[in-house]
Amino acid sequence: MCINENMDKRPPWTKKDLIGLEYLTKEEIELILYTAHSFKEVTTRQIKKVPALRGKTVVNLFYEPSTRTRISFELAAKRLSADVINVGIESSSVRKGETLIDTGRNIEALKIDIIVVRHNCSGAPNILARSVRSSVVNAGDGWHEHPTQALLDMFTLKEKLGKLEGLKISIIGDIAHSRVARSNIWGLTKLGAKVTVCAPKMLIPEGIEKLGVKATTNLEEALEGALKLKEISYIPAEGYAAGEMKHGPIALIDEYRAVVCVACESDVYEKTISNLQEIKARRGKIIAIASAGDVAIKAETKEVVYVPRCQEIFSPLLTAIPLQLIAYHIAVKRGCDVDQPRNLAKSVTVE
């Protein structure tokens, strides 16, 4: 891990709480990562314990089921010599109608130093932090943030790659409902990474570009088509988002490379056409799947499969059919048994 030589001159930590990476400066995030690096060595010792939190008491207050996160917080606190109390919401006064603020103040009355809270409502840790003098650490709140998970992600990336500034990082999945994605966006962009989010349009929050990221859609169609080719045709195939082709994969194209391109009407249509022109310039073979009536696509390739026009959200339902048929006919041409596909779906889904 690359340690900043100026960290010895770092300002001290002055915040009472850790609610989200939105509220931290670049220097504060770097301070946490630097401190975490120094503590990592503790886990390699035979006796994994240091007195950093000796005399302090930590309460894990989890309003959502959790295994890994709660164990991680408990283990970390114990290795720093803190006393730890786990509050089970199902057996607490919450069942009798006690509010979050009431619970927090009752815990504080017992001279608790730190409250680690996970809650299904966005903003709950912020409300609690304003209501108690104890320090509050957010372990995940609704769709808002999960700062400690994002800090772990950034720590791992920095440890493996040496730096975050200037890196191109894609976050793929349900961005709208992911508190981890939101914390990663805040943290990574503040540390200088160039972040792209990719998901179906309905799973990307409106205006997310204001957070300093790029947004792209329809990667799922490409991945599904590539998966089918690998499963029944037994040939290597990879799926890429149109907006990411010029960041590396385009360099793989040559006259012997076939590219199946989903080029239906969408917010990234112009970018997709630009990529097709790059592929054409490299003499790559192009098969396009386009919206019915699209004449412009003919300028890039003669091999076009048209699907009915529809709203972008329904596009994957229609494009999946020609993608699967392409895989089927290639498999038949190669003499593969299409009724005996390789079961790659589970491994791809898990990864």
Protein backbone atom coordinates (compact mmCIF):
# COMPACT_ATOMS: atom_id res chain seq x y z
CA MET A 1 0.00 0.00 0.00
CA CYS A 2 1.35 3.42 -0.92
CA ILE A 3 1.54 5.54 2.23
CA ASN A 4 1.48 9.29 1.82
CA GLU A 5 4.75 10.70 3.15
CA ASN A 6 2.93 13.80 4.38
CA MET A 7 0.57 11.82 6.62
CA ASP A 8 2.84 12.45 9.63
CA LYS A 9 1.77 16.09 9.32
CA ARG A 10 -1.89 15.13 9.13
CA PRO A 11 -4.44 17.10 11.17
CA PRO A 12 -6.01 15.18 14.08
CA TRP A 13 -9.45 13.59 13.79
CA THR A 14 -11.96 16.11 15.12
CA LYS A 15 -15.37 14.66 14.23
CA LYS A 16 -17.58 13.11 16.90
CA ASP A 17 -19.32 10.73 14.49
CA LEU A 18 -18.83 8.75 11.29
CA ILE A 19 -22.15 9.10 9.47
CA GLY A 20 -21.14 9.02 5.81
CA LEU A 21 -18.30 9.71 3.39
CA GLU A 22 -20.34 12.59 1.96
CA TYR A 23 -19.44 14.56 5.08
CA LEU A 24 -15.69 13.79 5.09
CA THR A 25 -12.90 15.63 3.34
CA LYS A 26 -10.26 13.93 1.23
CA GLU A 27 -7.77 14.41 4.08
CA GLU A 28 -10.09 12.81 6.63
CA ILE A 29 -10.65 9.76 4.42
CA GLU A 30 -6.91 9.42 3.87
CA LEU A 31 -6.37 9.67 7.64
CA ILE A 32 -8.74 6.74 8.23
CA LEU A 33 -7.03 4.63 5.55
CA TYR A 34 -3.61 5.46 6.95
CA THR A 35 -4.68 4.55 10.48
CA ALA A 36 -6.28 1.31 9.26
CA HIS A 37 -3.01 0.34 7.57
CA SER A 38 -1.14 0.72 10.85
CA PHE A 39 -3.71 -1.46 12.65
CA LYS A 40 -3.70 -4.20 10.02
CA GLU A 41 -0.45 -5.52 11.42
CA VAL A 42 -2.29 -6.36 14.67
CA THR A 43 -4.22 -9.14 12.88
CA THR A 44 -0.95 -10.94 12.08
CA ARG A 45 0.14 -11.18 15.72
CA GLN A 46 -0.27 -14.25 17.88
CA ILE A 47 -2.13 -12.10 20.42
CA LYS A 48 -4.37 -9.91 18.30
CA LYS A 49 -5.00 -7.10 20.76
CA VAL A 50 -3.89 -3.50 21.40
CA PRO A 51 -5.08 -1.06 24.10
CA ALA A 52 -6.31 1.70 21.76
CA LEU A 53 -9.89 1.59 23.15
CA ARG A 54 -9.18 0.27 26.63
CA GLY A 55 -11.76 1.65 29.07
CA LYS A 56 -14.23 2.45 26.27
CA THR A 57 -17.60 0.74 25.77
CA VAL A 58 -19.10 0.06 22.34
CA VAL A 59 -22.74 -0.85 21.72
CA ASN A 60 -23.75 -2.54 18.45
CA LEU A 61 -27.34 -1.42 17.82
CA PHE A 62 -28.60 -3.26 14.74
CA TYR A 63 -32.16 -2.75 13.52
CA GLU A 64 -31.51 -5.05 10.54
CA PRO A 65 -30.33 -8.67 10.47
CA SER A 66 -26.58 -8.88 10.02
CA THR A 67 -23.85 -11.47 10.35
CA ARG A 68 -20.61 -10.23 8.75
CA THR A 69 -20.98 -6.54 9.58
CA ARG A 70 -21.91 -7.06 13.22
CA ILE A 71 -19.17 -9.63 13.76
CA SER A 72 -16.66 -7.30 12.07
CA PHE A 73 -17.54 -4.41 14.38
CA GLU A 74 -17.54 -6.63 17.46
CA LEU A 75 -14.22 -8.22 16.57
CA ALA A 76 -12.59 -4.88 15.75
CA ALA A 77 -13.73 -3.33 19.04
CA LYS A 78 -12.50 -6.31 21.07
CA ARG A 79 -9.12 -6.31 19.32
CA LEU A 80 -8.81 -2.66 20.32
CA SER A 81 -9.59 -3.70 23.94
CA ALA A 82 -13.05 -2.09 24.15
CA ASP A 83 -15.94 -3.62 26.08
CA VAL A 84 -18.67 -4.64 23.63
CA ILE A 85 -22.44 -4.98 24.08
CA ASN A 86 -24.71 -6.31 21.33
CA VAL A 87 -28.32 -5.14 21.50
CA GLY A 88 -30.85 -7.53 19.98
CA ILE A 89 -33.71 -5.39 18.70
CA GLU A 90 -36.16 -8.31 18.70
CA SER A 91 -35.75 -8.68 22.47
CA SER A 92 -35.37 -4.99 23.33
CA SER A 93 -37.82 -2.25 24.29
CA VAL A 94 -38.12 -1.36 20.60
CA ARG A 95 -40.72 -4.13 20.49
CA LYS A 96 -42.76 -2.06 22.96
CA GLY A 97 -42.59 1.07 20.85
CA GLU A 98 -39.40 2.72 22.11
CA THR A 99 -38.07 5.19 19.54
CA LEU A 100 -34.52 5.31 18.20
CA ILE A 101 -33.82 8.52 20.12
CA ASP A 102 -35.20 7.04 23.37
CA THR A 103 -33.06 3.93 22.89
CA GLY A 104 -29.99 6.04 22.20
CA ARG A 105 -30.48 8.23 25.26
CA ASN A 106 -31.09 5.20 27.50
CA ILE A 107 -27.88 3.64 26.22
CA GLU A 108 -26.02 6.92 26.71
CA ALA A 109 -27.22 7.12 30.32
CA LEU A 110 -25.14 3.99 30.96
CA LYS A 111 -22.00 5.96 29.99
CA ILE A 112 -21.57 4.28 26.60
CA ASP A 113 -18.82 5.83 24.49
CA ILE A 114 -19.62 4.61 20.97
CA ILE A 115 -22.89 3.47 19.36
CA VAL A 116 -22.62 1.50 16.12
CA VAL A 117 -26.03 1.62 14.44
CA ARG A 118 -27.48 -0.13 11.41
CA HIS A 119 -31.00 0.91 10.46
CA ASN A 120 -33.41 0.30 7.59
CA CYS A 121 -34.33 4.00 7.44
CA SER A 122 -32.05 6.42 5.61
CA GLY A 123 -30.84 9.19 7.92
CA ALA A 124 -31.42 7.28 11.19
CA PRO A 125 -27.74 7.45 12.30
CA ASN A 126 -27.74 11.22 11.65
CA ILE A 127 -30.83 11.67 13.85
CA LEU A 128 -29.25 9.57 16.59
CA ALA A 129 -25.94 11.46 16.41
CA ARG A 130 -27.74 14.78 16.92
CA SER A 131 -29.59 13.38 19.94
CA VAL A 132 -26.74 11.87 21.99
CA ARG A 133 -23.28 12.89 23.18
CA SER A 134 -21.85 9.42 22.47
CA SER A 135 -20.02 8.93 19.17
CA VAL A 136 -22.18 7.31 16.47
CA VAL A 137 -20.83 5.10 13.68
CA ASN A 138 -23.09 4.34 10.72
CA ALA A 139 -23.06 0.61 9.85
CA GLY A 140 -25.54 1.13 7.01
CA ASP A 141 -28.77 3.13 6.84
CA GLY A 142 -31.47 2.36 4.29
CA TRP A 143 -30.43 3.38 0.78
CA HIS A 144 -28.25 6.20 2.09
CA GLU A 145 -24.69 5.16 3.00
CA HIS A 146 -22.52 2.35 4.32
CA PRO A 147 -19.28 4.29 4.98
CA THR A 148 -17.26 1.56 6.69
CA GLN A 149 -17.83 -0.92 3.85
CA ALA A 150 -16.75 1.69 1.30
CA LEU A 151 -13.67 2.52 3.39
CA LEU A 152 -12.78 -1.19 3.36
CA ASP A 153 -13.25 -1.28 -0.43
CA MET A 154 -10.98 1.74 -0.88
CA PHE A 155 -8.40 0.34 1.54
CA THR A 156 -8.28 -2.91 -0.47
CA LEU A 157 -8.05 -1.12 -3.83
CA LYS A 158 -5.27 1.14 -2.57
CA GLU A 159 -3.42 -1.80 -1.03
CA LYS A 160 -3.58 -3.85 -4.24
CA LEU A 161 -3.16 -1.08 -6.82
CA GLY A 162 -1.03 1.41 -4.91
CA LYS A 163 -3.24 4.43 -5.54
CA LEU A 164 -6.79 5.55 -6.28
CA GLU A 165 -6.17 8.88 -7.98
CA GLY A 166 -6.69 8.60 -11.73
CA LEU A 167 -8.03 5.03 -11.63
CA LYS A 168 -11.07 4.23 -13.79
CA ILE A 169 -13.53 2.28 -11.63
CA SER A 170 -16.95 0.94 -12.68
CA ILE A 171 -19.67 0.15 -10.16
CA ILE A 172 -22.16 -2.28 -11.71
CA GLY A 173 -25.52 -3.24 -10.25
CA ASP A 174 -28.50 -1.68 -8.49
CA ILE A 175 -27.11 1.79 -7.88
CA ALA A 176 -30.42 3.33 -6.79
CA HIS A 177 -30.88 1.06 -3.78
CA SER A 178 -27.24 0.45 -2.86
CA ARG A 179 -25.89 2.32 0.16
CA VAL A 180 -22.46 0.79 -0.47
CA ALA A 181 -22.40 2.14 -4.04
CA ARG A 182 -23.31 5.62 -2.82
CA SER A 183 -20.57 5.63 -0.18
CA ASN A 184 -18.05 4.33 -2.71
CA ILE A 185 -19.01 7.11 -5.11
CA TRP A 186 -18.45 9.78 -2.46
CA GLY A 187 -15.16 8.26 -1.29
CA LEU A 188 -13.62 7.28 -4.61
CA THR A 189 -14.36 10.57 -6.33
CA LYS A 190 -12.91 12.54 -3.39
CA LEU A 191 -9.71 10.52 -3.70
CA GLY A 192 -9.45 11.28 -7.42
CA ALA A 193 -10.81 8.10 -9.05
CA LYS A 194 -12.89 8.34 -12.24
CA VAL A 195 -16.08 6.46 -11.47
CA THR A 196 -18.67 5.06 -13.89
CA VAL A 197 -21.93 3.48 -12.73
CA CYS A 198 -23.71 0.92 -14.88
CA ALA A 199 -27.24 -0.44 -14.47
CA PRO A 200 -30.62 -0.46 -16.20
CA LYS A 201 -31.93 3.10 -16.33
CA MET A 202 -34.56 2.49 -13.64
CA LEU A 203 -31.80 1.44 -11.21
CA ILE A 204 -29.68 4.56 -11.68
CA PRO A 205 -30.79 7.56 -9.55
CA GLU A 206 -31.78 10.63 -11.51
CA GLY A 207 -29.07 13.28 -11.46
CA ILE A 208 -26.34 10.95 -10.20
CA GLU A 209 -23.91 12.67 -12.58
CA LYS A 210 -23.95 15.60 -10.13
CA LEU A 211 -21.89 13.40 -7.80
CA GLY A 212 -19.07 13.44 -10.34
CA VAL A 213 -19.68 10.07 -12.01
CA LYS A 214 -20.62 8.88 -15.49
CA ALA A 215 -23.68 6.67 -15.99
CA THR A 216 -24.27 3.98 -18.60
CA THR A 217 -26.93 1.30 -19.17
CA ASN A 218 -27.66 -2.05 -20.83
CA LEU A 219 -24.55 -3.96 -19.80
CA GLU A 220 -26.84 -6.86 -18.81
CA GLU A 221 -27.76 -7.50 -22.44
CA ALA A 222 -24.10 -7.76 -23.46
CA LEU A 223 -23.27 -10.06 -20.54
CA GLU A 224 -26.26 -12.30 -21.31
CA GLY A 225 -25.28 -12.59 -24.97
CA ALA A 226 -21.67 -13.39 -24.07
CA LEU A 227 -22.81 -15.99 -21.55
CA LYS A 228 -24.94 -17.80 -24.12
CA LEU A 229 -22.05 -17.90 -26.59
CA LYS A 230 -19.79 -19.43 -23.96
CA GLU A 231 -22.41 -21.89 -22.73
CA ILE A 232 -23.57 -23.49 -25.96
CA SER A 233 -21.01 -22.40 -28.59
CA TYR A 234 -17.90 -23.11 -26.51
CA ILE A 235 -16.16 -19.95 -27.74
CA PRO A 236 -14.70 -17.12 -25.64
CA ALA A 237 -16.93 -14.05 -25.47
CA GLU A 238 -17.10 -11.04 -23.18
CA GLY A 239 -19.72 -8.34 -22.62
CA TYR A 240 -18.91 -4.66 -22.29
CA ALA A 241 -20.89 -1.48 -21.74
CA ALA A 242 -20.87 0.80 -24.78
CA GLY A 243 -19.52 3.70 -22.76
CA GLU A 244 -16.51 1.66 -21.62
CA MET A 245 -15.34 0.21 -24.95
CA LYS A 246 -12.77 2.94 -25.58
CA HIS A 247 -11.21 2.43 -22.14
CA GLY A 248 -9.38 -0.73 -23.22
CA PRO A 249 -11.48 -3.44 -24.94
CA ILE A 250 -11.43 -1.55 -28.25
CA ALA A 251 -7.71 -2.31 -28.51
CA LEU A 252 -8.52 -6.03 -28.84
CA ILE A 253 -10.41 -5.55 -32.10
CA ASP A 254 -8.86 -6.76 -35.37
CA GLU A 255 -10.04 -8.23 -38.68
CA TYR A 256 -10.49 -11.66 -37.08
CA ARG A 257 -12.70 -10.41 -34.23
CA ALA A 258 -16.49 -10.49 -34.46
CA VAL A 259 -18.49 -7.99 -32.43
CA VAL A 260 -22.20 -8.31 -31.67
CA CYS A 261 -23.46 -4.85 -30.79
CA VAL A 262 -26.76 -3.99 -29.10
CA ALA A 263 -27.46 -0.60 -30.70
CA CYS A 264 -31.12 0.02 -29.92
CA GLU A 265 -32.43 3.50 -29.19
CA SER A 266 -31.10 4.64 -25.79
CA ASP A 267 -29.31 7.47 -24.04
CA VAL A 268 -25.98 6.02 -25.17
CA TYR A 269 -26.95 5.43 -28.83
CA GLU A 270 -24.59 8.08 -30.21
CA LYS A 271 -21.73 6.71 -28.11
CA THR A 272 -22.52 3.20 -29.37
CA ILE A 273 -22.39 4.38 -33.01
CA SER A 274 -19.05 6.05 -32.29
CA ASN A 275 -17.74 2.74 -30.98
CA LEU A 276 -19.01 0.93 -34.09
CA GLN A 277 -17.07 3.39 -36.23
CA GLU A 278 -13.92 2.61 -34.20
CA ILE A 279 -14.49 -1.13 -34.63
CA LYS A 280 -15.09 -0.66 -38.36
CA ALA A 281 -11.86 1.33 -38.65
CA ARG A 282 -10.04 -1.61 -37.08
CA ARG A 283 -11.69 -3.94 -39.64
CA GLY A 284 -13.67 -5.80 -37.00
CA LYS A 285 -16.72 -7.81 -38.12
CA ILE A 286 -19.95 -6.25 -36.79
CA ILE A 287 -23.38 -7.76 -36.23
CA ALA A 288 -25.76 -5.09 -34.93
CA ILE A 289 -29.07 -5.46 -33.12
CA ALA A 290 -31.01 -2.27 -33.73
CA SER A 291 -34.46 -0.72 -33.39
CA ALA A 292 -36.80 -1.19 -36.33
CA GLY A 293 -36.53 1.67 -38.82
CA ASP A 294 -32.96 2.61 -37.87
CA VAL A 295 -31.42 3.48 -41.26
CA ALA A 296 -28.24 5.08 -39.89
CA ILE A 297 -26.94 1.76 -38.59
CA LYS A 298 -26.60 0.52 -42.18
CA ALA A 299 -23.71 2.94 -42.68
CA GLU A 300 -21.68 0.99 -40.11
CA THR A 301 -22.59 -2.62 -40.99
CA LYS A 302 -24.73 -4.59 -43.43
CA GLU A 303 -25.37 -7.30 -40.84
CA VAL A 304 -28.33 -5.93 -38.83
CA VAL A 305 -31.00 -7.73 -36.84
CA TYR A 306 -33.97 -5.47 -36.17
CA VAL A 307 -36.21 -5.66 -33.10
CA PRO A 308 -39.42 -3.69 -32.52
CA ARG A 309 -39.07 -0.19 -31.10
CA CYS A 310 -39.89 0.01 -27.39
CA GLN A 311 -39.12 1.94 -24.24
CA GLU A 312 -35.51 1.48 -23.15
CA ILE A 313 -36.56 -0.32 -19.97
CA PHE A 314 -38.06 -3.18 -22.07
CA SER A 315 -35.17 -3.40 -24.54
CA PRO A 316 -33.42 -6.36 -22.80
CA LEU A 317 -36.54 -8.51 -23.24
CA LEU A 318 -36.40 -8.09 -27.01
CA THR A 319 -32.65 -8.09 -27.62
CA ALA A 320 -32.19 -11.31 -25.61
CA ILE A 321 -33.99 -13.24 -28.40
CA PRO A 322 -31.58 -12.48 -31.29
CA LEU A 323 -28.61 -12.80 -28.91
CA GLN A 324 -29.69 -16.31 -28.01
CA LEU A 325 -30.43 -17.19 -31.65
CA ILE A 326 -26.96 -16.01 -32.70
CA ALA A 327 -25.43 -18.26 -30.04
CA TYR A 328 -27.66 -21.14 -31.17
CA HIS A 329 -26.73 -20.93 -34.86
CA ILE A 330 -23.01 -20.56 -34.10
CA ALA A 331 -23.22 -23.65 -31.90
CA VAL A 332 -24.97 -25.65 -34.64
CA LYS A 333 -22.41 -24.48 -37.21
CA ARG A 334 -19.59 -25.64 -34.93
CA GLY A 335 -21.24 -29.00 -34.34
CA CYS A 336 -21.89 -28.42 -30.64
CA ASP A 337 -24.77 -30.14 -28.84
CA VAL A 338 -27.07 -27.22 -27.98
CA ASP A 339 -29.01 -29.47 -25.60
CA GLN A 340 -25.89 -29.98 -23.47
CA PRO A 341 -24.74 -26.46 -22.57
CA ARG A 342 -22.03 -25.77 -20.02
CA ASN A 343 -23.61 -24.61 -16.77
CA LEU A 344 -21.87 -21.25 -16.45
CA ALA A 345 -24.88 -19.27 -15.21
CA LYS A 346 -24.28 -20.02 -11.52
CA SER A 347 -20.61 -19.08 -11.55
CA VAL A 348 -21.24 -15.89 -13.53
CA THR A 349 -24.08 -14.88 -11.22
CA VAL A 350 -22.06 -15.51 -8.09
CA GLU A 351 -19.02 -13.63 -9.37
